[in-house]
Amino acid sequence: MARKSDAQTSAEAEVGVFQRGLGPFVVAGELTRMPIVFTNARDPACPIIFANDSLLSLTGHHRDELLGESIYALIAQDADAGVVAAIKRGFQGGSGVDCEVKCRRKDGGPFWAALFVNPVFDKEGQIIQHFVSFFDLTRHKQAQAQAKMLIDEMNHRVKNTLATVQAIVRQALRTDADRPTLRQMIKSRLSALSRSHDLLTREKWKSAGLHEIVSETLAPFRSSEGEKQRFVITGEPIRFAPKAALDLCIVFNELATNALKYGALSRVGGAVHIDWKLEPGPQGAQLVVTWRELGGPAVKAPTHRGFGTRVIERGLAHELKGTGHLDYRPEGLICTMHIPAPDPQNG
């Protein structure tokens, strides 16, 4: 703020009169923890004639920088125009003002304050000053913004989850399965979705590691204690954003369900090896994920695309922007997935 010598001199004179007339009150105002100022009501610019230490601490100003300055110098330039107009009407009309307004510190940083303006009258009933107090609302406003962000994020997640549930049910209803089978199909996929939500909740919905995604999804399919390990999972640390993690859980659940019905997991001693690696490509790095079944019955290619195949293809192509190839080798199914490499910022 530019220093105004004439205004400064006038303000200092006002302060002298002010302190002589309200000496004890000035002492109390100086000691209070509430940031306060007094302004000269006789001047339309509302120059500050008193500012206590709490106000100086809040704004970062020195006292001699504020004395003589307009009260409006403490209000942010991008403050709500309607609120500023209400404050001006309060000063001009002599009525009290109670509002929330965006203010600014000396360094230009913003802070929010509940502003209370009350007139001070002399013995003749004339307004000679305005008493202005500031209640710092910055933390409260930040908490409000954080709460709104969390609510918006939750709404987004709920919509995504409902869309996934709708897709699961819609795809299941397109099959000619009987009611018990249909119920089990939907239940299995919803259980996978639930487990993925549990994983993401533990990760505070920031991202999830591919190893954790696979392990969490395959947990219900693991063999009993003492049997040969059914799943071998290897690969470098890779993390996926929440939506991609949910879609991957559905894909791996589908592969495991098919393996349990027809493939390696349908026999004692059968196993599945899952591995992945990053490979360069013309469209950018690709994550190549391989699902390889071993020790199961002889495999034959199906004569038609089943429900599980459509779920896998849709999850990879539509949701993950990738591709999947199912190779029905006699010794065991191999599913090879090519997925655009996730953003390293996920983890």
Protein backbone atom coordinates (compact mmCIF):
# COMPACT_ATOMS: atom_id res chain seq x y z
CA MET A 1 0.00 0.00 0.00
CA ALA A 2 1.23 3.51 -0.78
CA ARG A 3 1.75 5.74 2.23
CA LYS A 4 -0.26 8.95 2.27
CA SER A 5 1.40 11.53 4.43
CA ASP A 6 -1.62 13.85 4.71
CA ALA A 7 -3.92 10.97 5.50
CA GLN A 8 -1.35 9.57 7.90
CA THR A 9 -1.11 12.85 9.76
CA SER A 10 -4.88 13.15 9.91
CA ALA A 11 -5.21 9.57 11.08
CA GLU A 12 -2.66 10.05 13.83
CA ALA A 13 -4.58 13.10 15.03
CA GLU A 14 -7.78 11.06 15.00
CA VAL A 15 -6.04 8.34 16.98
CA GLY A 16 -4.98 10.88 19.60
CA VAL A 17 -8.53 12.16 20.02
CA PHE A 18 -9.84 8.61 19.89
CA GLN A 19 -7.47 7.39 22.61
CA ARG A 20 -8.16 10.34 24.89
CA GLY A 21 -11.89 9.85 24.59
CA LEU A 22 -11.96 6.08 24.88
CA GLY A 23 -8.72 5.37 26.71
CA PRO A 24 -9.82 2.29 28.72
CA PHE A 25 -11.68 0.89 25.73
CA VAL A 26 -8.63 1.29 23.51
CA VAL A 27 -6.56 -0.66 26.02
CA ALA A 28 -9.18 -3.42 26.05
CA GLY A 29 -9.35 -3.40 22.25
CA GLU A 30 -5.60 -3.68 22.00
CA LEU A 31 -5.51 -6.68 24.30
CA THR A 32 -8.45 -8.61 22.81
CA ARG A 33 -7.75 -11.58 20.57
CA MET A 34 -10.46 -10.46 18.16
CA PRO A 35 -9.00 -8.50 15.21
CA ILE A 36 -10.60 -5.05 15.24
CA VAL A 37 -10.25 -1.62 13.65
CA PHE A 38 -11.94 1.73 14.09
CA THR A 39 -12.61 3.95 11.08
CA ASN A 40 -13.35 7.65 10.75
CA ALA A 41 -17.05 7.91 9.93
CA ARG A 42 -16.71 11.52 8.81
CA ASP A 43 -14.66 10.47 5.77
CA PRO A 44 -16.50 8.51 3.00
CA ALA A 45 -13.31 6.51 2.36
CA CYS A 46 -13.59 5.12 5.91
CA PRO A 47 -9.89 5.54 6.81
CA ILE A 48 -8.58 3.38 9.62
CA ILE A 49 -7.75 5.28 12.79
CA PHE A 50 -7.06 2.31 15.05
CA ALA A 51 -5.98 -1.32 14.46
CA ASN A 52 -5.15 -3.73 17.25
CA ASP A 53 -2.32 -6.25 17.28
CA SER A 54 -4.64 -9.14 16.44
CA LEU A 55 -5.67 -7.42 13.21
CA LEU A 56 -2.03 -6.71 12.36
CA SER A 57 -1.14 -10.35 12.99
CA LEU A 58 -4.03 -11.53 10.81
CA THR A 59 -3.18 -9.28 7.87
CA GLY A 60 0.62 -9.12 8.14
CA HIS A 61 0.65 -5.31 8.14
CA HIS A 62 2.52 -2.89 10.34
CA ARG A 63 0.36 -0.38 12.13
CA ASP A 64 1.80 2.62 10.28
CA GLU A 65 0.89 0.93 6.98
CA LEU A 66 -2.79 0.81 7.89
CA LEU A 67 -3.44 4.08 9.70
CA GLY A 68 -5.03 6.45 7.21
CA GLU A 69 -5.76 3.68 4.70
CA SER A 70 -9.33 2.95 3.64
CA ILE A 71 -10.97 -0.06 5.27
CA TYR A 72 -11.69 -1.28 1.73
CA ALA A 73 -7.95 -1.82 1.20
CA LEU A 74 -8.33 -4.93 3.36
CA ILE A 75 -11.00 -6.41 1.09
CA ALA A 76 -9.90 -8.60 -1.81
CA GLN A 77 -10.37 -7.14 -5.27
CA ASP A 78 -12.28 -10.24 -6.40
CA ALA A 79 -14.60 -10.23 -3.38
CA ASP A 80 -18.29 -10.69 -4.08
CA ALA A 81 -19.59 -7.39 -5.45
CA GLY A 82 -22.93 -7.75 -3.67
CA VAL A 83 -21.23 -8.23 -0.32
CA VAL A 84 -18.96 -5.23 -0.85
CA ALA A 85 -21.98 -3.12 -1.80
CA ALA A 86 -23.74 -4.18 1.40
CA ILE A 87 -20.67 -3.20 3.45
CA LYS A 88 -20.60 0.23 1.80
CA ARG A 89 -24.29 0.75 2.48
CA GLY A 90 -23.67 -0.12 6.11
CA PHE A 91 -20.95 2.46 6.42
CA GLN A 92 -22.93 5.12 4.58
CA GLY A 93 -26.23 4.50 6.33
CA GLY A 94 -24.90 4.03 9.80
CA SER A 95 -26.53 0.64 10.23
CA GLY A 96 -24.78 -2.49 11.42
CA VAL A 97 -23.30 -4.96 8.94
CA ASP A 98 -22.84 -8.68 9.42
CA CYS A 99 -21.43 -10.57 6.44
CA GLU A 100 -18.76 -12.95 5.18
CA VAL A 101 -16.24 -11.41 2.80
CA LYS A 102 -13.01 -12.38 1.07
CA CYS A 103 -10.13 -10.23 2.33
CA ARG A 104 -6.44 -9.95 1.54
CA ARG A 105 -3.26 -9.90 3.55
CA LYS A 106 -0.27 -7.68 2.97
CA ASP A 107 1.39 -10.33 0.81
CA GLY A 108 -1.73 -10.55 -1.35
CA GLY A 109 -2.79 -13.89 0.09
CA PRO A 110 -6.54 -14.26 0.62
CA PHE A 111 -8.40 -14.96 3.83
CA TRP A 112 -12.08 -15.14 4.64
CA ALA A 113 -13.62 -13.17 7.48
CA ALA A 114 -16.95 -12.66 9.12
CA LEU A 115 -17.13 -8.87 9.15
CA PHE A 116 -19.12 -7.04 11.81
CA VAL A 117 -19.52 -3.27 11.44
CA ASN A 118 -21.20 -1.15 14.10
CA PRO A 119 -21.45 2.65 14.36
CA VAL A 120 -20.04 4.58 17.33
CA PHE A 121 -22.08 7.65 18.37
CA ASP A 122 -21.06 10.80 20.22
CA LYS A 123 -23.13 12.48 22.93
CA GLU A 124 -25.22 14.28 20.30
CA GLY A 125 -26.08 11.01 18.57
CA GLN A 126 -23.82 11.63 15.60
CA ILE A 127 -21.81 8.77 14.12
CA ILE A 128 -18.15 9.58 14.57
CA GLN A 129 -16.52 6.19 14.04
CA HIS A 130 -17.26 2.66 12.93
CA PHE A 131 -16.15 -0.29 15.00
CA VAL A 132 -15.18 -3.17 12.70
CA SER A 133 -14.30 -6.68 13.88
CA PHE A 134 -12.96 -9.56 11.79
CA PHE A 135 -13.54 -13.21 12.63
CA ASP A 136 -11.15 -15.38 10.61
CA LEU A 137 -13.16 -17.97 8.66
CA THR A 138 -10.34 -19.25 6.48
CA ARG A 139 -10.12 -22.72 8.04
CA HIS A 140 -13.90 -22.98 8.04
CA LYS A 141 -14.04 -22.09 4.34
CA GLN A 142 -11.27 -24.55 3.55
CA ALA A 143 -13.16 -27.26 5.42
CA GLN A 144 -16.30 -26.39 3.47
CA ALA A 145 -14.41 -26.64 0.18
CA GLN A 146 -12.90 -29.96 1.26
CA ALA A 147 -16.32 -31.31 2.27
CA LYS A 148 -17.80 -30.25 -1.07
CA MET A 149 -14.94 -31.90 -2.94
CA LEU A 150 -15.47 -35.13 -0.97
CA ILE A 151 -19.21 -35.07 -1.63
CA ASP A 152 -18.65 -34.47 -5.34
CA GLU A 153 -16.10 -37.29 -5.41
CA MET A 154 -18.46 -39.63 -3.56
CA ASN A 155 -21.29 -38.81 -5.98
CA HIS A 156 -18.94 -39.54 -8.87
CA ARG A 157 -17.96 -42.89 -7.37
CA VAL A 158 -21.57 -43.84 -6.70
CA LYS A 159 -22.53 -43.04 -10.28
CA ASN A 160 -19.60 -45.08 -11.60
CA THR A 161 -20.48 -47.98 -9.32
CA LEU A 162 -24.14 -47.93 -10.33
CA ALA A 163 -23.12 -47.81 -13.99
CA THR A 164 -20.91 -50.87 -13.44
CA VAL A 165 -23.72 -52.71 -11.64
CA GLN A 166 -26.12 -51.88 -14.45
CA ALA A 167 -23.63 -53.18 -17.01
CA ILE A 168 -23.15 -56.42 -15.04
CA VAL A 169 -26.89 -57.04 -14.75
CA ARG A 170 -27.61 -55.99 -18.34
CA GLN A 171 -24.98 -58.35 -19.73
CA ALA A 172 -26.17 -61.20 -17.52
CA LEU A 173 -29.78 -60.76 -18.64
CA ARG A 174 -28.73 -61.13 -22.26
CA THR A 175 -27.79 -64.76 -21.65
CA ASP A 176 -30.21 -67.69 -21.79
CA ALA A 177 -29.11 -68.95 -18.35
CA ASP A 178 -31.73 -70.23 -15.90
CA ARG A 179 -32.58 -68.17 -12.84
CA PRO A 180 -30.22 -69.88 -10.31
CA THR A 181 -27.31 -69.60 -12.74
CA LEU A 182 -28.19 -66.02 -13.51
CA ARG A 183 -28.33 -65.20 -9.80
CA GLN A 184 -24.91 -66.76 -9.22
CA MET A 185 -23.40 -64.92 -12.20
CA ILE A 186 -24.57 -61.56 -10.91
CA LYS A 187 -23.62 -62.37 -7.31
CA SER A 188 -20.09 -63.36 -8.28
CA ARG A 189 -19.47 -60.17 -10.21
CA LEU A 190 -20.97 -57.95 -7.53
CA SER A 191 -18.76 -59.67 -4.96
CA ALA A 192 -15.71 -58.86 -7.09
CA LEU A 193 -16.87 -55.26 -7.30
CA SER A 194 -17.28 -55.17 -3.52
CA ARG A 195 -13.77 -56.53 -2.94
CA SER A 196 -12.32 -53.94 -5.27
CA HIS A 197 -14.12 -51.23 -3.30
CA ASP A 198 -12.62 -52.60 -0.09
CA LEU A 199 -9.15 -52.44 -1.65
CA LEU A 200 -9.62 -48.87 -2.85
CA THR A 201 -11.01 -47.81 0.50
CA ARG A 202 -7.84 -49.06 2.18
CA GLU A 203 -5.89 -47.05 -0.38
CA LYS A 204 -8.04 -43.95 0.34
CA TRP A 205 -9.36 -44.12 -3.25
CA LYS A 206 -6.16 -42.69 -4.67
CA SER A 207 -4.93 -45.68 -6.68
CA ALA A 208 -4.31 -49.40 -6.32
CA GLY A 209 -1.33 -51.61 -7.14
CA LEU A 210 -1.82 -54.24 -9.83
CA HIS A 211 -0.44 -56.97 -7.56
CA GLU A 212 -2.99 -56.03 -4.89
CA ILE A 213 -5.80 -55.86 -7.46
CA VAL A 214 -5.04 -59.37 -8.69
CA SER A 215 -4.54 -60.82 -5.20
CA GLU A 216 -7.72 -59.28 -3.82
CA THR A 217 -9.82 -60.44 -6.75
CA LEU A 218 -8.48 -63.99 -6.70
CA ALA A 219 -8.71 -64.44 -2.91
CA PRO A 220 -12.04 -66.38 -3.04
CA PHE A 221 -10.58 -68.78 -5.62
CA ARG A 222 -7.50 -69.74 -3.66
CA SER A 223 -7.01 -73.42 -2.83
CA SER A 224 -7.30 -75.00 0.58
CA GLU A 225 -4.29 -75.04 2.86
CA GLY A 226 -1.72 -77.64 1.95
CA GLU A 227 -2.61 -77.81 -1.74
CA LYS A 228 -0.13 -76.61 -4.32
CA GLN A 229 -0.25 -72.84 -4.75
CA ARG A 230 -2.87 -72.09 -7.40
CA PHE A 231 -1.80 -68.58 -8.31
CA VAL A 232 1.67 -67.32 -9.14
CA ILE A 233 1.70 -63.54 -9.52
CA THR A 234 4.76 -61.68 -10.78
CA GLY A 235 5.37 -58.23 -12.19
CA GLU A 236 6.87 -54.84 -11.43
CA PRO A 237 4.96 -52.34 -9.28
CA ILE A 238 2.22 -50.71 -11.35
CA ARG A 239 -0.64 -48.61 -9.98
CA PHE A 240 -4.01 -47.89 -11.54
CA ALA A 241 -6.50 -45.10 -10.95
CA PRO A 242 -9.68 -46.15 -9.07
CA LYS A 243 -11.95 -46.61 -12.12
CA ALA A 244 -9.40 -48.74 -13.95
CA ALA A 245 -8.81 -50.79 -10.79
CA LEU A 246 -12.53 -51.58 -10.55
CA ASP A 247 -12.63 -52.68 -14.20
CA LEU A 248 -9.56 -54.88 -13.78
CA CYS A 249 -11.15 -56.61 -10.79
CA ILE A 250 -14.15 -57.52 -12.94
CA VAL A 251 -11.89 -58.87 -15.71
CA PHE A 252 -9.78 -61.02 -13.37
CA ASN A 253 -12.86 -62.27 -11.57
CA GLU A 254 -14.28 -63.38 -14.92
CA LEU A 255 -11.10 -65.20 -15.90
CA ALA A 256 -11.00 -66.95 -12.52
CA THR A 257 -14.68 -67.90 -12.71
CA ASN A 258 -14.19 -69.46 -16.15
CA ALA A 259 -11.07 -71.27 -14.92
CA LEU A 260 -13.04 -72.65 -11.98
CA LYS A 261 -15.80 -73.95 -14.26
CA TYR A 262 -13.85 -75.23 -17.22
CA GLY A 263 -10.13 -74.63 -16.81
CA ALA A 264 -7.16 -75.09 -14.52
CA LEU A 265 -9.01 -74.28 -11.29
CA SER A 266 -11.53 -77.05 -11.92
CA ARG A 267 -8.92 -79.71 -11.02
CA VAL A 268 -6.77 -80.34 -7.99
CA GLY A 269 -3.22 -79.27 -8.82
CA GLY A 270 -4.29 -76.80 -11.48
CA ALA A 271 -2.66 -73.39 -11.35
CA VAL A 272 -2.70 -69.97 -12.97
CA HIS A 273 0.37 -67.84 -13.64
CA ILE A 274 -0.23 -64.10 -13.96
CA ASP A 275 2.58 -61.79 -15.00
CA TRP A 276 2.98 -58.41 -16.63
CA LYS A 277 5.59 -56.13 -18.12
CA LEU A 278 5.81 -52.75 -19.80
CA GLU A 279 6.62 -52.67 -23.51
CA PRO A 280 7.15 -49.69 -25.83
CA GLY A 281 4.64 -49.18 -28.62
CA PRO A 282 3.80 -46.75 -31.43
CA GLN A 283 0.97 -45.27 -29.35
CA GLY A 284 3.03 -45.15 -26.18
CA ALA A 285 4.03 -47.67 -23.53
CA GLN A 286 1.78 -50.70 -23.21
CA LEU A 287 1.28 -52.92 -20.20
CA VAL A 288 1.19 -56.54 -21.35
CA VAL A 289 -0.59 -58.80 -18.85
CA THR A 290 -0.61 -62.57 -19.35
CA TRP A 291 -3.00 -65.03 -17.71
CA ARG A 292 -1.71 -68.58 -18.26
CA GLU A 293 -3.55 -71.69 -17.02
CA LEU A 294 -1.66 -74.92 -16.27
CA GLY A 295 -2.62 -78.41 -15.12
CA GLY A 296 -6.26 -78.27 -16.10
CA PRO A 297 -8.32 -80.40 -18.47
CA ALA A 298 -7.67 -80.31 -22.21
CA VAL A 299 -8.98 -77.06 -23.62
CA LYS A 300 -11.15 -76.66 -26.67
CA ALA A 301 -12.12 -73.38 -28.25
CA PRO A 302 -15.82 -72.61 -27.63
CA THR A 303 -18.20 -72.63 -30.56
CA HIS A 304 -19.70 -69.29 -29.54
CA ARG A 305 -18.75 -66.23 -27.52
CA GLY A 306 -20.09 -66.74 -24.02
CA PHE A 307 -21.09 -64.23 -21.39
CA GLY A 308 -17.69 -64.37 -19.69
CA THR A 309 -15.86 -63.65 -22.91
CA ARG A 310 -18.01 -60.60 -23.56
CA VAL A 311 -17.38 -59.31 -20.04
CA ILE A 312 -13.61 -59.66 -20.51
CA GLU A 313 -13.65 -58.04 -23.94
CA ARG A 314 -15.89 -55.19 -22.85
CA GLY A 315 -13.83 -54.52 -19.72
CA LEU A 316 -10.60 -54.37 -21.71
CA ALA A 317 -11.78 -52.60 -24.85
CA HIS A 318 -14.44 -50.20 -23.59
CA GLU A 319 -13.34 -49.43 -20.05
CA LEU A 320 -9.54 -49.82 -20.17
CA LYS A 321 -9.03 -48.82 -23.82
CA GLY A 322 -7.04 -52.00 -24.34
CA THR A 323 -7.32 -55.36 -26.10
CA GLY A 324 -7.49 -58.97 -25.02
CA HIS A 325 -6.71 -62.17 -26.89
CA LEU A 326 -7.92 -65.57 -25.68
CA ASP A 327 -5.74 -68.45 -26.91
CA TYR A 328 -7.43 -71.79 -26.25
CA ARG A 329 -4.40 -74.05 -26.24
CA PRO A 330 -4.96 -77.72 -25.37
CA GLU A 331 -2.65 -77.47 -22.35
CA GLY A 332 -4.43 -74.43 -20.98
CA LEU A 333 -6.01 -71.10 -21.78
CA ILE A 334 -3.75 -68.09 -22.27
CA CYS A 335 -5.24 -64.62 -22.11
CA THR A 336 -2.96 -61.81 -23.23
CA MET A 337 -4.03 -58.25 -22.44
CA HIS A 338 -2.55 -55.07 -23.86
CA ILE A 339 -3.46 -52.01 -21.80
CA PRO A 340 -2.17 -48.44 -22.18
CA ALA A 341 0.41 -47.91 -19.43
CA PRO A 342 -1.20 -46.11 -16.48
CA ASP A 343 -0.06 -42.64 -15.49
CA PRO A 344 2.97 -42.91 -13.16
CA GLN A 345 1.31 -40.19 -11.01
CA ASN A 346 -1.14 -42.87 -9.82
CA GLY A 347 1.44 -44.04 -7.38
